[in-house]
Amino acid sequence: MTAIEVIDQIKTMSPEERAKVVGFIREIEAAQPPGVRHADEKTFAQAAQWVLGEHTDLLRKLAQ
């Protein structure tokens, strides 16, 4: 069965049955280890600016 077929089946379910499916999927997601998160360019730039500003002396020492 393909994902599309499963989705089509879920669409035909009663709200109670659909809630069981949603609960099952949430359980699966909760059991997964945290994934790799990616920051958008603005968030990355803000974080980089903060790190560089907070640790200027350390970064100078490391650069020597």
N, C-alpha and C. Protein backbone atom coordinates (compact mmCIF):
# COMPACT_ATOMS: atom_id res chain seq x y z
N MET A 1 0.85 -1.17 0.00
CA MET A 1 0.00 0.00 0.00
C MET A 1 0.90 1.24 0.00
N THR A 2 0.57 2.21 -0.82
CA THR A 2 1.36 3.42 -0.90
C THR A 2 0.88 4.43 0.15
N ALA A 3 1.67 5.46 0.37
CA ALA A 3 1.30 6.51 1.31
C ALA A 3 0.01 7.20 0.86
N ILE A 4 -0.12 7.42 -0.42
CA ILE A 4 -1.34 8.06 -0.95
C ILE A 4 -2.56 7.20 -0.65
N GLU A 5 -2.42 5.89 -0.80
CA GLU A 5 -3.53 4.99 -0.49
C GLU A 5 -3.87 5.03 0.99
N VAL A 6 -2.87 5.08 1.83
CA VAL A 6 -3.11 5.17 3.28
C VAL A 6 -3.83 6.48 3.61
N ILE A 7 -3.35 7.58 3.02
CA ILE A 7 -3.98 8.88 3.25
C ILE A 7 -5.44 8.86 2.80
N ASP A 8 -5.69 8.27 1.63
CA ASP A 8 -7.07 8.18 1.14
C ASP A 8 -7.94 7.38 2.10
N GLN A 9 -7.39 6.32 2.67
CA GLN A 9 -8.14 5.52 3.64
C GLN A 9 -8.44 6.33 4.91
N ILE A 10 -7.44 7.08 5.37
CA ILE A 10 -7.61 7.90 6.58
C ILE A 10 -8.71 8.93 6.36
N LYS A 11 -8.77 9.50 5.16
CA LYS A 11 -9.80 10.50 4.85
C LYS A 11 -11.21 9.94 4.97
N THR A 12 -11.37 8.64 4.77
CA THR A 12 -12.71 8.05 4.82
C THR A 12 -13.11 7.60 6.23
N MET A 13 -12.19 7.68 7.18
CA MET A 13 -12.46 7.20 8.54
C MET A 13 -13.35 8.16 9.32
N SER A 14 -13.98 7.60 10.33
CA SER A 14 -14.76 8.43 11.24
C SER A 14 -13.79 9.29 12.07
N PRO A 15 -14.26 10.36 12.65
CA PRO A 15 -13.38 11.19 13.47
C PRO A 15 -12.71 10.41 14.60
N GLU A 16 -13.42 9.46 15.18
CA GLU A 16 -12.85 8.66 16.26
C GLU A 16 -11.68 7.80 15.77
N GLU A 17 -11.89 7.14 14.63
CA GLU A 17 -10.83 6.30 14.07
C GLU A 17 -9.64 7.15 13.61
N ARG A 18 -9.93 8.31 13.02
CA ARG A 18 -8.86 9.21 12.58
C ARG A 18 -8.05 9.69 13.79
N ALA A 19 -8.71 9.94 14.91
CA ALA A 19 -8.01 10.37 16.12
C ALA A 19 -7.05 9.28 16.60
N LYS A 20 -7.44 8.01 16.45
CA LYS A 20 -6.54 6.91 16.82
C LYS A 20 -5.29 6.91 15.93
N VAL A 21 -5.48 7.17 14.64
CA VAL A 21 -4.35 7.23 13.71
C VAL A 21 -3.43 8.38 14.09
N VAL A 22 -4.00 9.53 14.36
CA VAL A 22 -3.21 10.70 14.74
C VAL A 22 -2.43 10.40 16.03
N GLY A 23 -3.08 9.77 16.99
CA GLY A 23 -2.40 9.40 18.23
C GLY A 23 -1.23 8.46 17.98
N PHE A 24 -1.44 7.50 17.10
CA PHE A 24 -0.38 6.55 16.76
C PHE A 24 0.81 7.27 16.11
N ILE A 25 0.53 8.17 15.20
CA ILE A 25 1.61 8.91 14.53
C ILE A 25 2.36 9.78 15.54
N ARG A 26 1.64 10.39 16.45
CA ARG A 26 2.30 11.20 17.49
C ARG A 26 3.20 10.34 18.37
N GLU A 27 2.77 9.13 18.67
CA GLU A 27 3.60 8.21 19.46
C GLU A 27 4.89 7.88 18.70
N ILE A 28 4.75 7.62 17.41
CA ILE A 28 5.92 7.31 16.58
C ILE A 28 6.88 8.50 16.58
N GLU A 29 6.35 9.70 16.37
CA GLU A 29 7.20 10.89 16.33
C GLU A 29 7.89 11.13 17.66
N ALA A 30 7.18 10.91 18.76
CA ALA A 30 7.76 11.13 20.09
C ALA A 30 8.88 10.13 20.37
N ALA A 31 8.82 8.96 19.77
CA ALA A 31 9.83 7.93 20.01
C ALA A 31 11.09 8.14 19.17
N GLN A 32 11.02 9.02 18.19
CA GLN A 32 12.17 9.26 17.31
C GLN A 32 13.20 10.14 18.03
N PRO A 33 14.48 9.84 17.82
CA PRO A 33 15.50 10.73 18.38
C PRO A 33 15.40 12.10 17.72
N PRO A 34 15.82 13.14 18.44
CA PRO A 34 15.74 14.47 17.84
C PRO A 34 16.53 14.52 16.54
N GLY A 35 15.96 15.14 15.56
CA GLY A 35 16.61 15.26 14.27
C GLY A 35 17.54 16.47 14.21
N VAL A 36 18.22 16.55 13.13
CA VAL A 36 19.10 17.70 12.89
C VAL A 36 18.22 18.87 12.50
N ARG A 37 18.44 19.98 13.17
CA ARG A 37 17.70 21.18 12.84
C ARG A 37 18.58 22.11 12.03
N HIS A 38 18.00 22.82 11.13
CA HIS A 38 18.72 23.77 10.31
C HIS A 38 18.16 25.15 10.55
N ALA A 39 19.05 26.11 10.74
CA ALA A 39 18.62 27.49 10.94
C ALA A 39 18.55 28.20 9.60
N ASP A 40 17.60 29.10 9.48
CA ASP A 40 17.57 29.92 8.27
C ASP A 40 18.72 30.93 8.34
N GLU A 41 18.98 31.61 7.25
CA GLU A 41 20.14 32.50 7.18
C GLU A 41 20.10 33.60 8.23
N LYS A 42 18.93 34.18 8.46
CA LYS A 42 18.80 35.27 9.43
C LYS A 42 19.12 34.77 10.84
N THR A 43 18.57 33.62 11.21
CA THR A 43 18.82 33.05 12.54
C THR A 43 20.29 32.70 12.71
N PHE A 44 20.90 32.12 11.67
CA PHE A 44 22.31 31.78 11.73
C PHE A 44 23.16 33.04 11.91
N ALA A 45 22.85 34.08 11.13
CA ALA A 45 23.62 35.33 11.21
C ALA A 45 23.50 35.94 12.60
N GLN A 46 22.33 35.91 13.19
CA GLN A 46 22.14 36.45 14.54
C GLN A 46 22.93 35.64 15.56
N ALA A 47 22.90 34.34 15.45
CA ALA A 47 23.63 33.48 16.38
C ALA A 47 25.14 33.69 16.22
N ALA A 48 25.60 33.77 14.98
CA ALA A 48 27.03 33.98 14.74
C ALA A 48 27.49 35.31 15.31
N GLN A 49 26.69 36.34 15.10
CA GLN A 49 27.03 37.67 15.64
C GLN A 49 27.12 37.62 17.15
N TRP A 50 26.18 36.95 17.79
CA TRP A 50 26.19 36.84 19.25
C TRP A 50 27.43 36.08 19.73
N VAL A 51 27.73 34.95 19.11
CA VAL A 51 28.88 34.14 19.52
C VAL A 51 30.17 34.94 19.34
N LEU A 52 30.32 35.58 18.21
CA LEU A 52 31.53 36.36 17.97
C LEU A 52 31.64 37.52 18.95
N GLY A 53 30.53 38.15 19.26
CA GLY A 53 30.53 39.27 20.21
C GLY A 53 30.82 38.83 21.63
N GLU A 54 30.31 37.69 22.01
CA GLU A 54 30.48 37.20 23.38
C GLU A 54 31.86 36.58 23.63
N HIS A 55 32.50 36.09 22.60
CA HIS A 55 33.73 35.32 22.78
C HIS A 55 34.90 35.88 21.95
N THR A 56 34.93 37.19 21.81
CA THR A 56 35.95 37.84 20.99
C THR A 56 37.36 37.50 21.47
N ASP A 57 37.60 37.62 22.77
CA ASP A 57 38.94 37.34 23.30
C ASP A 57 39.36 35.89 23.05
N LEU A 58 38.48 34.97 23.29
CA LEU A 58 38.78 33.56 23.07
C LEU A 58 39.09 33.30 21.59
N LEU A 59 38.29 33.87 20.71
CA LEU A 59 38.52 33.66 19.28
C LEU A 59 39.85 34.28 18.83
N ARG A 60 40.23 35.42 19.40
CA ARG A 60 41.53 36.01 19.08
C ARG A 60 42.67 35.07 19.51
N LYS A 61 42.55 34.51 20.70
CA LYS A 61 43.58 33.58 21.20
C LYS A 61 43.66 32.34 20.32
N LEU A 62 42.53 31.82 19.91
CA LEU A 62 42.52 30.64 19.06
C LEU A 62 43.10 30.92 17.69
N ALA A 63 42.96 32.14 17.23
CA ALA A 63 43.48 32.51 15.90
C ALA A 63 45.00 32.67 15.88
N GLN A 64 45.61 32.81 17.04
CA GLN A 64 47.07 33.01 17.09
C GLN A 64 47.84 31.73 16.87
